[in-house]
Amino acid sequence: MSETDNMPPPPVPTSEPPVTENNQDSSVAAGEKPT
């Protein structure tokens, strides 16, 4: 096991937000679901 194994995974870059089912609004990227 190396030191990198104990390190947490790198954060997801904001330039490439995860594709979600409701990826129609930027608010979804912030974690807010439009009603």
Protein backbone atom coordinates (compact mmCIF):
# COMPACT_ATOMS: atom_id res chain seq x y z
CA MET A 1 0.00 0.00 0.00
CA SER A 2 1.36 3.42 -0.92
CA GLU A 3 0.64 6.81 0.60
CA THR A 4 -1.61 7.62 -2.35
CA ASP A 5 -3.83 4.68 -1.43
CA ASN A 6 -4.71 6.33 1.87
CA MET A 7 -5.46 9.66 0.21
CA PRO A 8 -9.09 10.42 -0.74
CA PRO A 9 -10.04 10.71 -4.42
CA PRO A 10 -9.62 14.12 -6.06
CA PRO A 11 -12.70 16.40 -6.08
CA VAL A 12 -14.78 16.56 -9.25
CA PRO A 13 -13.89 19.65 -11.29
CA THR A 14 -16.75 22.15 -11.54
CA SER A 15 -16.00 22.53 -15.24
CA GLU A 16 -17.29 18.99 -15.73
CA PRO A 17 -20.37 18.52 -13.53
CA PRO A 18 -21.82 15.00 -13.26
CA VAL A 19 -24.64 14.33 -15.72
CA THR A 20 -27.91 13.91 -13.85
CA GLU A 21 -31.41 12.93 -14.97
CA ASN A 22 -32.54 16.52 -14.50
CA ASN A 23 -29.53 18.14 -16.12
CA GLN A 24 -31.82 20.69 -17.77
CA ASP A 25 -31.03 23.43 -15.26
CA SER A 26 -27.75 24.59 -13.73
CA SER A 27 -29.51 24.54 -10.35
CA VAL A 28 -29.31 20.74 -10.40
CA ALA A 29 -25.52 20.94 -10.38
CA ALA A 30 -25.75 22.91 -7.15
CA GLY A 31 -27.80 20.11 -5.62
CA GLU A 32 -31.13 21.89 -5.93
CA LYS A 33 -33.96 20.09 -7.70
CA PRO A 34 -36.37 22.37 -9.60
CA THR A 35 -40.00 21.81 -8.73
